[in-house]
Amino acid sequence: MARYISITLAKRGVTCRARLLDREAPGTCEAVWNALPQTGDAYHAKYARNEVYTLVPRIAGAPRRENPTVTPIPGDVCLFDFEPWEIGNPAYGYEPGSEAHAALGATDLAIFYGRNNLLINGDMGWVPGNVFAMIEDGLPEIAAACNDLWINGFAGEEMVFARA
């Protein structure tokens, strides 16, 4: 039986629903499912293009690489696992003391809402993400909200991942 999660941009009041890809990414799906709900500040990616994400405390048991991609498509939901040194660069814009600077590293939960994404970072090179879910309901609405976040800023926006 399929499992679903909801992904919400709280300030904008927009939610989409994604189906977990249990067959393709069983370890990532189980780790995320067991860690839900997760809430954090929403960010729009600088490098990847059409990505909105949140950083949360490192999700225990998430595989480093499972069903990876560096070219996510619209509707992909990805997990990235980062060591502290990988995202602590001040140029990324995270506040000192934020989840990005956690001593244990951080998990990045991300959605991709448009085409032509490329997961490459000037400091690290390729940054593969584990594709663990696919947005099946509400992609046009969440894409519009993500584009608004890009144009008008993300200050005060939170991203919420929960079981649906």
C-alpha atoms as a PDB file:
ATOM      1  CA  MET A   1       0.000   0.000   0.000  1.00  0.00           C
ATOM      2  CA  ALA A   2       1.334   3.416  -0.972  1.00  0.00           C
ATOM      3  CA  ARG A   3       2.404   5.892   1.707  1.00  0.00           C
ATOM      4  CA  TYR A   4       2.013   9.641   1.279  1.00  0.00           C
ATOM      5  CA  ILE A   5       3.448  12.775   2.809  1.00  0.00           C
ATOM      6  CA  SER A   6       2.249  16.353   2.733  1.00  0.00           C
ATOM      7  CA  ILE A   7       4.618  19.233   2.090  1.00  0.00           C
ATOM      8  CA  THR A   8       3.432  22.680   3.091  1.00  0.00           C
ATOM      9  CA  LEU A   9       4.724  26.226   2.739  1.00  0.00           C
ATOM     10  CA  ALA A  10       3.056  27.433   5.927  1.00  0.00           C
ATOM     11  CA  LYS A  11       3.092  31.225   5.453  1.00  0.00           C
ATOM     12  CA  ARG A  12       1.758  30.916   1.916  1.00  0.00           C
ATOM     13  CA  GLY A  13      -0.823  28.306   2.969  1.00  0.00           C
ATOM     14  CA  VAL A  14      -0.024  25.911   0.095  1.00  0.00           C
ATOM     15  CA  THR A  15       0.235  22.124   0.419  1.00  0.00           C
ATOM     16  CA  CYS A  16       1.067  19.337  -1.983  1.00  0.00           C
ATOM     17  CA  ARG A  17       0.962  15.565  -1.550  1.00  0.00           C
ATOM     18  CA  ALA A  18       3.766  13.194  -2.505  1.00  0.00           C
ATOM     19  CA  ARG A  19       3.893   9.407  -2.764  1.00  0.00           C
ATOM     20  CA  LEU A  20       6.877   7.733  -1.119  1.00  0.00           C
ATOM     21  CA  LEU A  21       9.006   5.703  -3.536  1.00  0.00           C
ATOM     22  CA  ASP A  22       9.308   2.717  -1.210  1.00  0.00           C
ATOM     23  CA  ARG A  23      10.521   0.344  -3.941  1.00  0.00           C
ATOM     24  CA  GLU A  24      13.188   2.679  -5.351  1.00  0.00           C
ATOM     25  CA  ALA A  25      14.440   4.174  -2.051  1.00  0.00           C
ATOM     26  CA  PRO A  26      13.299   1.924   0.810  1.00  0.00           C
ATOM     27  CA  GLY A  27      15.907   3.010   3.351  1.00  0.00           C
ATOM     28  CA  THR A  28      15.414   6.726   2.737  1.00  0.00           C
ATOM     29  CA  CYS A  29      11.607   6.385   2.794  1.00  0.00           C
ATOM     30  CA  GLU A  30      11.652   4.500   6.087  1.00  0.00           C
ATOM     31  CA  ALA A  31      14.082   6.941   7.731  1.00  0.00           C
ATOM     32  CA  VAL A  32      12.056   9.983   6.639  1.00  0.00           C
ATOM     33  CA  TRP A  33       8.700   8.381   7.547  1.00  0.00           C
ATOM     34  CA  ASN A  34       9.971   7.591  11.060  1.00  0.00           C
ATOM     35  CA  ALA A  35      11.303  11.140  11.503  1.00  0.00           C
ATOM     36  CA  LEU A  36       8.079  12.953  10.514  1.00  0.00           C
ATOM     37  CA  PRO A  37       6.837  15.572  11.118  1.00  0.00           C
ATOM     38  CA  GLN A  38       9.713  17.918  10.283  1.00  0.00           C
ATOM     39  CA  THR A  39       9.500  21.709  10.119  1.00  0.00           C
ATOM     40  CA  GLY A  40      12.152  24.281   9.334  1.00  0.00           C
ATOM     41  CA  ASP A  41      12.847  27.582   7.638  1.00  0.00           C
ATOM     42  CA  ALA A  42      12.232  27.444   3.889  1.00  0.00           C
ATOM     43  CA  TYR A  43      15.026  28.419   1.522  1.00  0.00           C
ATOM     44  CA  HIS A  44      15.133  28.805  -2.243  1.00  0.00           C
ATOM     45  CA  ALA A  45      18.233  27.223  -3.779  1.00  0.00           C
ATOM     46  CA  LYS A  46      20.991  29.387  -5.207  1.00  0.00           C
ATOM     47  CA  TYR A  47      22.671  26.780  -7.366  1.00  0.00           C
ATOM     48  CA  ALA A  48      20.163  24.055  -8.232  1.00  0.00           C
ATOM     49  CA  ARG A  49      17.611  26.380  -9.849  1.00  0.00           C
ATOM     50  CA  ASN A  50      13.986  25.324  -9.137  1.00  0.00           C
ATOM     51  CA  GLU A  51      14.397  23.946  -5.616  1.00  0.00           C
ATOM     52  CA  VAL A  52      12.900  24.888  -2.261  1.00  0.00           C
ATOM     53  CA  TYR A  53      14.196  23.136   0.821  1.00  0.00           C
ATOM     54  CA  THR A  54      14.490  23.109   4.575  1.00  0.00           C
ATOM     55  CA  LEU A  55      17.323  22.012   6.831  1.00  0.00           C
ATOM     56  CA  VAL A  56      16.411  19.767   9.756  1.00  0.00           C
ATOM     57  CA  PRO A  57      18.418  17.801  12.312  1.00  0.00           C
ATOM     58  CA  ARG A  58      20.177  14.886  10.682  1.00  0.00           C
ATOM     59  CA  ILE A  59      17.698  12.064  10.039  1.00  0.00           C
ATOM     60  CA  ALA A  60      19.045   8.885  11.605  1.00  0.00           C
ATOM     61  CA  GLY A  61      19.338   5.882   9.332  1.00  0.00           C
ATOM     62  CA  ALA A  62      19.031   7.742   6.034  1.00  0.00           C
ATOM     63  CA  PRO A  63      21.359   6.162   3.466  1.00  0.00           C
ATOM     64  CA  ARG A  64      24.056   8.424   2.096  1.00  0.00           C
ATOM     65  CA  ARG A  65      23.184   7.402  -1.489  1.00  0.00           C
ATOM     66  CA  GLU A  66      19.992   5.661  -2.593  1.00  0.00           C
ATOM     67  CA  ASN A  67      18.106   6.315  -5.836  1.00  0.00           C
ATOM     68  CA  PRO A  68      20.414   9.314  -6.399  1.00  0.00           C
ATOM     69  CA  THR A  69      20.149  12.028  -9.018  1.00  0.00           C
ATOM     70  CA  VAL A  70      21.965  15.207  -9.974  1.00  0.00           C
ATOM     71  CA  THR A  71      19.226  16.189 -12.456  1.00  0.00           C
ATOM     72  CA  PRO A  72      15.927  16.177 -10.515  1.00  0.00           C
ATOM     73  CA  ILE A  73      12.702  16.693 -12.417  1.00  0.00           C
ATOM     74  CA  PRO A  74       9.573  18.641 -11.428  1.00  0.00           C
ATOM     75  CA  GLY A  75       7.836  16.848  -8.574  1.00  0.00           C
ATOM     76  CA  ASP A  76      10.924  15.087  -7.205  1.00  0.00           C
ATOM     77  CA  VAL A  77      11.311  15.151  -3.429  1.00  0.00           C
ATOM     78  CA  CYS A  78      14.903  14.597  -2.315  1.00  0.00           C
ATOM     79  CA  LEU A  79      16.946  14.069   0.808  1.00  0.00           C
ATOM     80  CA  PHE A  80      20.513  15.334   1.085  1.00  0.00           C
ATOM     81  CA  ASP A  81      22.701  14.321   4.014  1.00  0.00           C
ATOM     82  CA  PHE A  82      25.411  16.843   4.936  1.00  0.00           C
ATOM     83  CA  GLU A  83      28.374  16.768   7.248  1.00  0.00           C
ATOM     84  CA  PRO A  84      28.894  20.053   9.154  1.00  0.00           C
ATOM     85  CA  TRP A  85      31.833  21.105   6.970  1.00  0.00           C
ATOM     86  CA  GLU A  86      29.830  20.651   3.768  1.00  0.00           C
ATOM     87  CA  ILE A  87      27.330  23.479   4.305  1.00  0.00           C
ATOM     88  CA  GLY A  88      28.905  25.705   6.932  1.00  0.00           C
ATOM     89  CA  ASN A  89      30.367  28.161   4.397  1.00  0.00           C
ATOM     90  CA  PRO A  90      29.159  31.690   5.346  1.00  0.00           C
ATOM     91  CA  ALA A  91      28.640  32.453   1.636  1.00  0.00           C
ATOM     92  CA  TYR A  92      25.569  30.181   1.721  1.00  0.00           C
ATOM     93  CA  GLY A  93      23.800  32.743   3.887  1.00  0.00           C
ATOM     94  CA  TYR A  94      22.762  30.591   6.866  1.00  0.00           C
ATOM     95  CA  GLU A  95      22.768  32.273  10.251  1.00  0.00           C
ATOM     96  CA  PRO A  96      25.427  31.114  12.726  1.00  0.00           C
ATOM     97  CA  GLY A  97      23.765  28.685  15.114  1.00  0.00           C
ATOM     98  CA  SER A  98      21.276  27.571  12.465  1.00  0.00           C
ATOM     99  CA  GLU A  99      20.712  23.934  11.486  1.00  0.00           C
ATOM    100  CA  ALA A 100      23.301  24.381   8.729  1.00  0.00           C
ATOM    101  CA  HIS A 101      25.965  24.895  11.402  1.00  0.00           C
ATOM    102  CA  ALA A 102      24.932  21.979  13.625  1.00  0.00           C
ATOM    103  CA  ALA A 103      27.860  20.020  15.029  1.00  0.00           C
ATOM    104  CA  LEU A 104      26.339  16.764  13.757  1.00  0.00           C
ATOM    105  CA  GLY A 105      25.524  17.972  10.252  1.00  0.00           C
ATOM    106  CA  ALA A 106      22.061  18.386   8.782  1.00  0.00           C
ATOM    107  CA  THR A 107      19.485  16.825   6.508  1.00  0.00           C
ATOM    108  CA  ASP A 108      18.154  18.861   3.604  1.00  0.00           C
ATOM    109  CA  LEU A 109      14.600  17.938   2.543  1.00  0.00           C
ATOM    110  CA  ALA A 110      13.888  19.460  -0.860  1.00  0.00           C
ATOM    111  CA  ILE A 111      11.235  19.712  -3.526  1.00  0.00           C
ATOM    112  CA  PHE A 112      11.859  20.489  -7.188  1.00  0.00           C
ATOM    113  CA  TYR A 113       9.132  22.444  -8.945  1.00  0.00           C
ATOM    114  CA  GLY A 114      10.477  23.183 -12.410  1.00  0.00           C
ATOM    115  CA  ARG A 115      12.731  21.812 -15.150  1.00  0.00           C
ATOM    116  CA  ASN A 116      16.444  22.112 -15.905  1.00  0.00           C
ATOM    117  CA  ASN A 117      17.809  21.550 -12.400  1.00  0.00           C
ATOM    118  CA  LEU A 118      21.455  20.643 -11.973  1.00  0.00           C
ATOM    119  CA  LEU A 119      22.823  19.700  -8.559  1.00  0.00           C
ATOM    120  CA  ILE A 120      26.290  21.181  -8.654  1.00  0.00           C
ATOM    121  CA  ASN A 121      27.912  23.433  -6.069  1.00  0.00           C
ATOM    122  CA  GLY A 122      30.970  25.602  -6.629  1.00  0.00           C
ATOM    123  CA  ASP A 123      32.588  24.460  -3.380  1.00  0.00           C
ATOM    124  CA  MET A 124      31.785  20.762  -3.509  1.00  0.00           C
ATOM    125  CA  GLY A 125      31.072  19.794  -7.125  1.00  0.00           C
ATOM    126  CA  TRP A 126      28.251  17.332  -7.772  1.00  0.00           C
ATOM    127  CA  VAL A 127      25.712  17.010  -4.945  1.00  0.00           C
ATOM    128  CA  PRO A 128      23.567  13.905  -5.553  1.00  0.00           C
ATOM    129  CA  GLY A 129      20.236  13.754  -3.756  1.00  0.00           C
ATOM    130  CA  ASN A 130      18.180  10.704  -2.818  1.00  0.00           C
ATOM    131  CA  VAL A 131      14.858  10.854  -4.675  1.00  0.00           C
ATOM    132  CA  PHE A 132      12.448   9.354  -2.143  1.00  0.00           C
ATOM    133  CA  ALA A 133       9.036  10.739  -3.145  1.00  0.00           C
ATOM    134  CA  MET A 134       7.148  12.179  -6.119  1.00  0.00           C
ATOM    135  CA  ILE A 135       4.594  14.984  -5.855  1.00  0.00           C
ATOM    136  CA  GLU A 136       1.310  13.640  -7.264  1.00  0.00           C
ATOM    137  CA  ASP A 137      -1.195  16.273  -6.130  1.00  0.00           C
ATOM    138  CA  GLY A 138      -0.755  20.036  -5.971  1.00  0.00           C
ATOM    139  CA  LEU A 139       2.415  20.492  -8.033  1.00  0.00           C
ATOM    140  CA  PRO A 140       1.113  23.539  -9.975  1.00  0.00           C
ATOM    141  CA  GLU A 141       0.042  25.260  -6.736  1.00  0.00           C
ATOM    142  CA  ILE A 142       3.258  24.520  -4.843  1.00  0.00           C
ATOM    143  CA  ALA A 143       5.282  25.558  -7.935  1.00  0.00           C
ATOM    144  CA  ALA A 144       3.517  28.947  -7.982  1.00  0.00           C
ATOM    145  CA  ALA A 145       4.214  29.374  -4.257  1.00  0.00           C
ATOM    146  CA  CYS A 146       7.875  28.387  -4.751  1.00  0.00           C
ATOM    147  CA  ASN A 147       8.231  30.896  -7.584  1.00  0.00           C
ATOM    148  CA  ASP A 148       6.685  33.542  -5.327  1.00  0.00           C
ATOM    149  CA  LEU A 149       9.228  32.614  -2.664  1.00  0.00           C
ATOM    150  CA  TRP A 150      12.002  33.205  -5.233  1.00  0.00           C
ATOM    151  CA  ILE A 151      10.622  36.559  -6.389  1.00  0.00           C
ATOM    152  CA  ASN A 152       9.400  37.995  -3.078  1.00  0.00           C
ATOM    153  CA  GLY A 153      11.741  36.345  -0.576  1.00  0.00           C
ATOM    154  CA  PHE A 154      11.541  33.571   1.935  1.00  0.00           C
ATOM    155  CA  ALA A 155      11.792  35.527   5.200  1.00  0.00           C
ATOM    156  CA  GLY A 156       9.430  33.989   7.749  1.00  0.00           C
ATOM    157  CA  GLU A 157       8.431  31.054   5.533  1.00  0.00           C
ATOM    158  CA  GLU A 158       8.454  27.572   6.995  1.00  0.00           C
ATOM    159  CA  MET A 159       8.386  24.255   5.176  1.00  0.00           C
ATOM    160  CA  VAL A 160       6.502  21.408   6.837  1.00  0.00           C
ATOM    161  CA  PHE A 161       6.861  17.722   5.969  1.00  0.00           C
ATOM    162  CA  ALA A 162       4.241  15.434   7.566  1.00  0.00           C
ATOM    163  CA  ARG A 163       2.542  12.092   7.072  1.00  0.00           C
ATOM    164  CA  ALA A 164      -0.565  12.401   4.911  1.00  0.00           C
END
